[in-house]
C-alpha cells in the first residue's frame, strides 16, 4: 500500500472527470434540443447544416417574393378586368351609333360617353400600382430607343429579336398633325444595317413597291404599326418632322430586349422570373381617335374595337399565365423548404429519448465514480492500522 501516490484515487478521478464532461455535453443537448451544440461535436455536419439553414431562409424569402408577384398579377388583372368592361361598353355603343335610326344629336350624346370611357381607361391604366410602382404604364415593358424624336419606339412583341436597326417611314400628315397615310416603309439598307428579323427588309421590295411584300403597315392617329410575316410587330409614335416636306423619317432604333419585372423566385443567384407587363393605353389599342358623332365614325370605331379588346385580352392572358406559374413556383418552394428542413433536422436535432437514456447512464456512472473516489481516498488511512 502506498500513501504518497494514491493511484486508485487518480484513476477514479480521471473516470469521474470523463463522466462529468460527457454528462455536461448530454445536458447541453437536452437543454438545447440540438445534436450539434458546438462545432467540435460534428465539424462537417455543422458546416453542412449551416448551408442548409441559409438555403431554408432563402427559400422562405423566395416564397414571399413569389407571393408578392402573385399580388402584382392579381392587382393588374383586376384593373384590366375593369378596362375590359369599359371596352365592351364602347363596343356596344359603337354598334348602337352605327345604326341609321339614330340622329347625329343622338350620336353626339353617345360620343360624349365614349370620350369619358376612353379617358377613364387611360386613367385606370396609368394609376394602378403596387408598392408605389406603376404596373400598366409601360414601366415593366420591353425597352426600345430611337435617335430620332420624330419616330419613337413604343412597343414591340416578344418575337422581335433585340438589336440595333435602321428603319424609314414615308408619311403624309393631316393639318392637325396626325397621320393621313403611310406611303412607304423600309427596314434596313443595303449597307451595314440589317433588317429587323421577321419583318421583310429592303431586299424584299418588289419593283416600285412602297412596302415589302409580306409586311403589314397600319396607322391610327400618330401610331404606326408594322407587322411581319410570322406575327412580329413593332409600333412607332410618329410626329410631323421639322425637315422639309417629302423627306422620309429615318431612325436608328435600339431594341434592348429587357425592361421586364425581375422577381427573385429561388434561393440562389440567377433564379429569376422576368415578367413582361405590356403598356396599356387607348393609343396602343388603336382607339385614341374614334369618333361616334357620325355614322361613318361609329362604323370605323366598331372595326377598331375588336383589335382593342384582343390587345387587352392578350395582356390579361399573359398576366394570368405569370400568375399560374408563380402559384406553381410557391408550391414547389414550399415542398423544397419542407424537405430541406427535414434534412436539416436530421443533422441538427437531437433524439430526446435516446439522449435521455445516455444522460441516465452517464449520471449513474458519475455517481458511481464519485463513490469509488471517496473509497479510494480512504485507503491510505488504513496504513495507520499497520503502525499500531
Protein backbone atom coordinates (compact mmCIF):
# COMPACT_ATOMS: atom_id res chain seq x y z
CA UNK A 1 0.00 0.00 0.00
CA UNK A 2 1.31 3.45 -0.94
CA UNK A 3 0.30 6.74 0.63
CA UNK A 4 2.27 9.35 -1.41
CA UNK A 5 0.71 8.46 -4.77
CA UNK A 6 -2.77 7.05 -4.44
CA UNK A 7 -3.08 5.55 -7.92
CA UNK A 8 -6.56 4.19 -7.24
CA UNK A 9 -7.81 7.70 -6.43
CA UNK A 10 -6.14 9.14 -9.55
CA UNK A 11 -7.80 6.51 -11.77
CA UNK A 12 -11.18 7.07 -10.13
CA UNK A 13 -10.78 10.84 -10.51
CA UNK A 14 -9.96 10.54 -14.22
CA UNK A 15 -13.04 8.47 -14.90
CA UNK A 16 -15.11 10.88 -12.83
CA UNK A 17 -13.89 13.82 -14.96
CA UNK A 18 -14.67 11.95 -18.18
CA UNK A 19 -18.15 11.05 -16.99
CA UNK A 20 -18.74 14.61 -15.78
CA UNK A 21 -17.66 16.10 -19.15
CA UNK A 22 -19.91 13.72 -21.06
CA UNK A 23 -22.74 14.49 -18.63
CA UNK A 24 -22.35 18.23 -19.31
CA UNK A 25 -22.46 17.61 -23.06
CA UNK A 26 -25.57 15.47 -22.68
CA UNK A 27 -27.22 18.16 -20.55
CA UNK A 28 -26.39 20.76 -23.22
CA UNK A 29 -28.00 18.61 -25.91
CA UNK A 30 -31.07 18.00 -23.79
CA UNK A 31 -31.49 21.65 -22.82
CA UNK A 32 -30.93 23.00 -26.36
CA UNK A 33 -32.61 20.18 -28.27
CA UNK A 34 -29.65 20.19 -30.67
CA UNK A 35 -27.40 17.29 -31.53
CA UNK A 36 -24.61 19.70 -32.55
CA UNK A 37 -24.20 22.32 -29.84
CA UNK A 38 -20.59 23.24 -30.56
CA UNK A 39 -18.52 22.94 -33.72
CA UNK A 40 -16.38 20.21 -32.12
CA UNK A 41 -19.42 17.94 -31.85
CA UNK A 42 -19.53 17.41 -35.64
CA UNK A 43 -17.49 19.90 -37.72
CA UNK A 44 -18.55 18.56 -41.14
CA UNK A 45 -22.17 18.18 -40.06
CA UNK A 46 -22.23 21.74 -38.71
CA UNK A 47 -20.89 23.18 -41.98
CA UNK A 48 -23.48 21.22 -43.97
CA UNK A 49 -26.28 22.23 -41.61
CA UNK A 50 -25.43 25.93 -41.77
CA UNK A 51 -25.50 25.83 -45.56
CA UNK A 52 -28.87 24.12 -45.37
CA UNK A 53 -30.16 26.68 -42.88
CA UNK A 54 -29.11 29.52 -45.18
CA UNK A 55 -30.86 27.77 -48.05
CA UNK A 56 -34.04 27.35 -45.99
CA UNK A 57 -34.12 31.05 -45.08
CA UNK A 58 -33.53 32.00 -48.72
CA UNK A 59 -36.36 29.68 -49.80
CA UNK A 60 -38.70 31.35 -47.31
CA UNK A 61 -37.83 34.77 -48.74
CA UNK A 62 -38.19 33.49 -52.30
CA UNK A 63 -41.66 32.25 -51.36
CA UNK A 64 -42.53 35.71 -50.07
CA UNK A 65 -41.18 37.25 -53.28
CA UNK A 66 -43.30 34.90 -55.36
CA UNK A 67 -46.39 35.70 -53.30
CA UNK A 68 -45.71 39.41 -53.88
CA UNK A 69 -45.51 38.62 -57.59
CA UNK A 70 -48.90 36.90 -57.41
CA UNK A 71 -50.30 40.01 -55.70
CA UNK A 72 -48.93 42.17 -58.53
CA UNK A 73 -50.60 39.98 -61.14
CA UNK A 74 -53.88 40.00 -59.24
CA UNK A 75 -53.87 43.79 -58.99
CA UNK A 76 -53.01 44.22 -62.68
CA UNK A 77 -55.62 41.68 -63.76
CA UNK A 78 -58.26 43.37 -61.60
CA UNK A 79 -57.63 46.69 -63.32
CA UNK A 80 -57.62 45.06 -66.77
CA UNK A 81 -60.90 43.34 -65.98
CA UNK A 82 -62.49 46.74 -65.46
CA UNK A 83 -60.86 48.06 -68.63
CA UNK A 84 -62.33 45.09 -70.45
CA UNK A 85 -65.77 46.06 -69.19
CA UNK A 86 -65.31 49.62 -70.44
CA UNK A 87 -64.18 48.37 -73.85
CA UNK A 88 -67.23 46.15 -74.07
CA UNK A 89 -69.39 49.18 -73.29
CA UNK A 90 -67.65 51.23 -76.01
CA UNK A 91 -68.12 48.34 -78.43
CA UNK A 92 -71.82 48.22 -77.56
CA UNK A 93 -72.13 51.97 -78.07
CA UNK A 94 -70.33 51.68 -81.42
CA UNK A 95 -72.90 49.16 -82.58
CA UNK A 96 -75.66 51.43 -81.35
CA UNK A 97 -74.25 54.52 -83.09
CA UNK A 98 -73.75 52.63 -86.35
CA UNK A 99 -77.44 52.20 -86.99
CA UNK A 100 -79.24 54.62 -89.26
CA UNK A 101 -82.19 55.02 -86.88
CA UNK A 102 -80.26 57.49 -84.73
CA UNK A 103 -79.72 61.17 -85.43
CA UNK A 104 -76.40 62.95 -85.18
CA UNK A 105 -77.63 64.54 -81.95
CA UNK A 106 -78.15 61.06 -80.53
CA UNK A 107 -74.69 60.06 -81.63
CA UNK A 108 -73.23 63.19 -80.02
CA UNK A 109 -74.58 62.03 -76.67
CA UNK A 110 -73.13 58.55 -77.24
CA UNK A 111 -69.79 60.06 -78.26
CA UNK A 112 -69.64 62.04 -75.02
CA UNK A 113 -69.97 58.82 -73.01
CA UNK A 114 -67.31 57.14 -75.13
CA UNK A 115 -64.88 60.01 -74.56
CA UNK A 116 -65.40 59.68 -70.80
CA UNK A 117 -64.81 55.93 -71.00
CA UNK A 118 -61.61 56.27 -73.04
CA UNK A 119 -60.28 58.85 -70.59
CA UNK A 120 -61.09 56.51 -67.72
CA UNK A 121 -59.29 53.63 -69.45
CA UNK A 122 -56.10 55.69 -69.70
CA UNK A 123 -56.50 56.96 -66.14
CA UNK A 124 -57.01 53.45 -64.75
CA UNK A 125 -54.08 52.02 -66.68
CA UNK A 126 -51.83 54.90 -65.65
CA UNK A 127 -52.62 54.83 -61.94
CA UNK A 128 -52.81 51.15 -60.97
CA UNK A 129 -49.72 50.37 -58.87
CA UNK A 130 -48.12 48.03 -56.34
CA UNK A 131 -45.76 49.32 -53.66
CA UNK A 132 -45.57 52.69 -55.40
CA UNK A 133 -44.66 51.18 -58.78
CA UNK A 134 -46.92 51.67 -61.80
CA UNK A 135 -47.89 48.39 -63.42
CA UNK A 136 -49.62 49.18 -66.71
CA UNK A 137 -47.85 52.36 -67.83
CA UNK A 138 -45.02 50.52 -69.61
CA UNK A 139 -42.61 50.54 -66.65
CA UNK A 140 -42.21 46.76 -66.99
CA UNK A 141 -42.43 46.50 -70.76
CA UNK A 142 -39.59 45.80 -73.20
CA UNK A 143 -37.48 48.90 -73.85
CA UNK A 144 -36.82 50.38 -77.26
CA UNK A 145 -34.98 53.59 -78.13
CA UNK A 146 -34.60 55.79 -81.18
CA UNK A 147 -32.15 58.50 -82.19
CA UNK A 148 -34.94 60.47 -83.91
CA UNK A 149 -37.50 62.19 -81.71
CA UNK A 150 -39.95 62.21 -84.63
CA UNK A 151 -40.14 58.39 -84.62
CA UNK A 152 -40.11 56.76 -81.19
CA UNK A 153 -40.44 53.05 -80.40
CA UNK A 154 -43.41 52.49 -78.09
CA UNK A 155 -43.96 48.73 -78.38
CA UNK A 156 -42.54 45.57 -79.89
CA UNK A 157 -43.60 41.97 -79.48
CA UNK A 158 -41.66 39.16 -77.79
CA UNK A 159 -40.94 37.60 -81.18
CA UNK A 160 -38.92 40.63 -82.32
CA UNK A 161 -35.23 39.92 -81.77
CA UNK A 162 -33.37 42.68 -79.95
CA UNK A 163 -30.61 44.63 -81.63
CA UNK A 164 -29.83 47.87 -83.45
CA UNK A 165 -31.62 48.58 -86.72
CA UNK A 166 -32.33 51.29 -89.27
CA UNK A 167 -35.95 51.98 -90.25
CA UNK A 168 -37.55 54.55 -92.51
CA UNK A 169 -41.12 55.79 -92.94
CA UNK A 170 -42.63 57.89 -95.72
CA UNK A 171 -45.67 59.61 -94.15
CA UNK A 172 -48.24 62.21 -95.14
CA UNK A 173 -49.72 64.25 -92.30
CA UNK A 174 -53.06 65.97 -91.86
CA UNK A 175 -53.39 69.61 -90.87
CA UNK A 176 -53.84 68.61 -87.21
CA UNK A 177 -50.51 66.74 -87.20
CA UNK A 178 -51.98 63.21 -87.26
CA UNK A 179 -51.09 60.68 -89.92
CA UNK A 180 -53.11 60.77 -93.11
CA UNK A 181 -51.25 57.99 -94.92
CA UNK A 182 -48.10 55.88 -94.64
CA UNK A 183 -46.80 55.74 -98.19
CA UNK A 184 -43.68 53.69 -97.61
CA UNK A 185 -41.67 51.67 -95.09
CA UNK A 186 -38.08 50.49 -95.28
CA UNK A 187 -36.39 48.03 -92.94
CA UNK A 188 -32.59 48.15 -93.04
CA UNK A 189 -30.49 49.12 -96.05
CA UNK A 190 -28.05 47.64 -98.50
CA UNK A 191 -25.02 48.56 -96.41
CA UNK A 192 -24.20 47.96 -92.76
CA UNK A 193 -27.71 47.94 -91.30
CA UNK A 194 -29.52 44.58 -91.31
CA UNK A 195 -33.34 44.44 -91.27
CA UNK A 196 -35.32 43.64 -88.15
CA UNK A 197 -35.61 39.82 -88.24
CA UNK A 198 -39.06 38.58 -89.22
CA UNK A 199 -40.01 41.81 -90.98
CA UNK A 200 -39.12 41.85 -94.70
CA UNK A 201 -36.22 44.16 -95.45
CA UNK A 202 -35.15 46.32 -98.36
CA UNK A 203 -34.06 43.32 -100.42
CA UNK A 204 -37.65 42.02 -100.33
CA UNK A 205 -39.10 45.03 -102.17
CA UNK A 206 -40.85 44.38 -105.40
CA UNK A 207 -40.31 46.84 -108.19
CA UNK A 208 -41.86 50.23 -107.38
CA UNK A 209 -43.38 48.82 -104.15
CA UNK A 210 -43.61 51.20 -101.19
CA UNK A 211 -43.87 48.37 -98.62
CA UNK A 212 -42.11 44.97 -98.84
CA UNK A 213 -44.29 42.01 -99.70
CA UNK A 214 -45.46 40.27 -96.51
CA UNK A 215 -45.28 43.39 -94.36
CA UNK A 216 -48.48 44.89 -92.97
CA UNK A 217 -48.45 48.60 -92.11
CA UNK A 218 -51.34 50.24 -90.25
CA UNK A 219 -51.74 53.61 -88.60
CA UNK A 220 -54.04 55.36 -86.18
CA UNK A 221 -53.57 58.93 -85.02
CA UNK A 222 -49.80 59.18 -84.72
CA UNK A 223 -49.16 55.46 -84.16
CA UNK A 224 -47.74 53.30 -86.94
CA UNK A 225 -47.89 49.53 -86.52
CA UNK A 226 -45.64 47.28 -88.61
CA UNK A 227 -46.28 43.53 -88.64
CA UNK A 228 -44.07 40.81 -90.11
CA UNK A 229 -44.85 37.51 -91.74
CA UNK A 230 -44.84 35.48 -88.50
CA UNK A 231 -46.69 37.97 -86.32
CA UNK A 232 -43.67 40.07 -85.36
CA UNK A 233 -44.90 43.55 -84.53
CA UNK A 234 -43.34 46.90 -83.72
CA UNK A 235 -45.13 50.20 -83.14
CA UNK A 236 -43.81 53.75 -83.55
CA UNK A 237 -45.14 57.10 -82.38
CA UNK A 238 -44.53 59.40 -85.35
CA UNK A 239 -44.52 63.20 -85.25
CA UNK A 240 -44.52 65.55 -88.18
CA UNK A 241 -40.83 66.29 -88.74
CA UNK A 242 -39.33 69.76 -88.86
CA UNK A 243 -37.46 68.76 -92.02
CA UNK A 244 -38.82 69.85 -95.43
CA UNK A 245 -41.95 68.06 -96.56
CA UNK A 246 -41.50 64.99 -98.73
CA UNK A 247 -38.45 63.61 -96.91
CA UNK A 248 -38.63 60.23 -95.23
CA UNK A 249 -38.31 59.90 -91.45
CA UNK A 250 -35.23 57.80 -90.71
CA UNK A 251 -34.24 56.45 -87.32
CA UNK A 252 -31.64 54.13 -85.84
CA UNK A 253 -33.50 52.15 -83.21
CA UNK A 254 -32.16 50.01 -80.36
CA UNK A 255 -34.41 47.20 -79.16
CA UNK A 256 -32.86 46.30 -75.82
CA UNK A 257 -34.94 43.19 -75.11
CA UNK A 258 -35.11 43.92 -71.39
CA UNK A 259 -37.19 46.04 -69.02
CA UNK A 260 -39.34 43.29 -67.54
CA UNK A 261 -40.18 42.94 -63.87
CA UNK A 262 -37.43 40.67 -62.49
CA UNK A 263 -38.57 38.66 -59.47
CA UNK A 264 -36.17 36.55 -57.41
CA UNK A 265 -38.12 33.29 -57.08
CA UNK A 266 -35.31 30.98 -55.99
CA UNK A 267 -32.76 30.62 -53.22
CA UNK A 268 -29.72 31.12 -55.44
CA UNK A 269 -28.31 33.71 -57.79
CA UNK A 270 -29.90 33.86 -61.22
CA UNK A 271 -33.14 32.12 -60.23
CA UNK A 272 -35.40 34.88 -61.50
CA UNK A 273 -38.64 35.27 -63.38
CA UNK A 274 -38.79 38.14 -65.86
CA UNK A 275 -42.44 39.17 -66.11
CA UNK A 276 -43.22 41.46 -69.02
CA UNK A 277 -46.32 43.59 -68.42
CA UNK A 278 -47.14 45.43 -71.68
CA UNK A 279 -48.24 49.03 -71.58
CA UNK A 280 -52.00 49.54 -71.76
CA UNK A 281 -53.38 52.71 -73.34
CA UNK A 282 -56.05 53.67 -75.84
CA UNK A 283 -53.20 54.80 -78.09
CA UNK A 284 -51.73 51.28 -78.27
CA UNK A 285 -55.21 49.80 -78.63
CA UNK A 286 -55.79 51.97 -81.70
CA UNK A 287 -58.86 53.74 -80.37
CA UNK A 288 -57.42 57.12 -79.45
CA UNK A 289 -59.19 58.92 -82.29
CA UNK A 290 -62.52 57.16 -82.50
CA UNK A 291 -65.47 59.48 -83.12
CA UNK A 292 -69.01 58.23 -82.71
CA UNK A 293 -70.65 61.55 -83.53
CA UNK A 294 -71.23 60.35 -87.10
CA UNK A 295 -72.41 57.07 -88.54
CA UNK A 296 -69.20 56.67 -90.55
CA UNK A 297 -67.12 57.29 -87.44
CA UNK A 298 -69.16 54.77 -85.49
CA UNK A 299 -68.62 52.10 -88.13
CA UNK A 300 -64.90 52.84 -88.14
CA UNK A 301 -64.81 52.59 -84.32
CA UNK A 302 -66.67 49.30 -84.46
CA UNK A 303 -63.93 47.90 -86.68
CA UNK A 304 -61.21 49.05 -84.29
CA UNK A 305 -62.85 47.77 -81.09
CA UNK A 306 -62.15 44.16 -81.98
CA UNK A 307 -58.41 44.90 -82.05
CA UNK A 308 -58.60 46.86 -78.78
CA UNK A 309 -60.38 44.01 -76.98
CA UNK A 310 -57.90 41.49 -78.40
CA UNK A 311 -54.99 43.62 -77.18
CA UNK A 312 -56.29 43.77 -73.59
CA UNK A 313 -57.17 40.07 -73.75
CA UNK A 314 -53.60 39.24 -74.77
CA UNK A 315 -52.24 41.28 -71.85
CA UNK A 316 -54.61 39.57 -69.42
CA UNK A 317 -53.74 36.12 -70.74
CA UNK A 318 -50.03 36.91 -70.27
CA UNK A 319 -50.63 38.10 -66.71
CA UNK A 320 -52.78 35.05 -65.98
CA UNK A 321 -50.00 32.77 -67.23
CA UNK A 322 -47.49 34.52 -64.96
CA UNK A 323 -49.85 34.13 -62.01
CA UNK A 324 -50.31 30.41 -62.66
CA UNK A 325 -46.56 29.97 -62.96
CA UNK A 326 -45.94 31.86 -59.71
CA UNK A 327 -48.52 29.77 -57.87
CA UNK A 328 -46.74 26.60 -59.01
CA UNK A 329 -43.45 28.20 -58.00
CA UNK A 330 -44.76 28.83 -54.48
CA UNK A 331 -45.94 25.21 -54.20
CA UNK A 332 -42.55 23.97 -55.38
CA UNK A 333 -40.67 26.23 -52.98
CA UNK A 334 -42.83 25.01 -50.09
CA UNK A 335 -42.03 21.38 -50.91
CA UNK A 336 -38.31 22.10 -51.24
CA UNK A 337 -38.30 24.03 -47.96
CA UNK A 338 -40.17 21.20 -46.23
CA UNK A 339 -37.68 18.56 -47.40
CA UNK A 340 -34.70 20.79 -46.69
CA UNK A 341 -35.98 21.45 -43.16
CA UNK A 342 -36.35 17.70 -42.59
CA UNK A 343 -32.75 17.14 -43.74
CA UNK A 344 -31.54 19.98 -41.52
CA UNK A 345 -33.42 18.49 -38.58
CA UNK A 346 -31.80 15.09 -39.07
CA UNK A 347 -28.38 16.70 -38.76
CA UNK A 348 -29.01 19.24 -36.02
CA UNK A 349 -31.87 18.00 -33.82
CA UNK A 350 -31.17 15.55 -31.01
CA UNK A 351 -33.25 12.44 -30.38
CA UNK A 352 -34.58 13.29 -26.94
CA UNK A 353 -35.44 9.70 -25.91
CA UNK A 354 -32.03 8.40 -26.98
CA UNK A 355 -30.25 11.31 -25.35
CA UNK A 356 -32.21 10.86 -22.11
CA UNK A 357 -31.10 7.23 -21.99
CA UNK A 358 -27.49 8.36 -22.47
CA UNK A 359 -27.93 11.03 -19.80
CA UNK A 360 -29.24 8.50 -17.27
CA UNK A 361 -26.30 6.17 -17.96
CA UNK A 362 -23.78 9.00 -17.54
CA UNK A 363 -25.47 10.16 -14.35
CA UNK A 364 -25.16 6.66 -12.84
CA UNK A 365 -21.50 6.46 -13.91
CA UNK A 366 -20.81 9.89 -12.41
CA UNK A 367 -22.37 8.91 -9.10
CA UNK A 368 -20.53 5.59 -9.11
CA UNK A 369 -17.21 7.34 -9.88
CA UNK A 370 -17.81 9.77 -7.02
CA UNK A 371 -18.48 6.87 -4.62
CA UNK A 372 -15.38 4.94 -5.79
CA UNK A 373 -13.21 8.08 -5.49
CA UNK A 374 -14.38 8.57 -1.94
CA UNK A 375 -13.43 4.98 -1.10
CA UNK A 376 -10.07 5.32 -2.84
CA UNK A 377 -9.28 8.41 -0.77
CA UNK A 378 -9.98 6.44 2.44
CA UNK A 379 -7.49 3.64 1.63
CA UNK A 380 -4.30 5.48 2.81
CA UNK A 381 -5.91 5.81 6.25
CA UNK A 382 -5.75 2.01 6.55
CA UNK A 383 -1.93 2.28 6.74
CA UNK A 384 -2.31 3.50 10.32
CA UNK A 385 -3.53 0.06 11.32
CA UNK A 386 -0.16 -1.38 10.25
CA UNK A 387 1.67 1.07 12.54
CA UNK A 388 -0.22 0.06 15.69
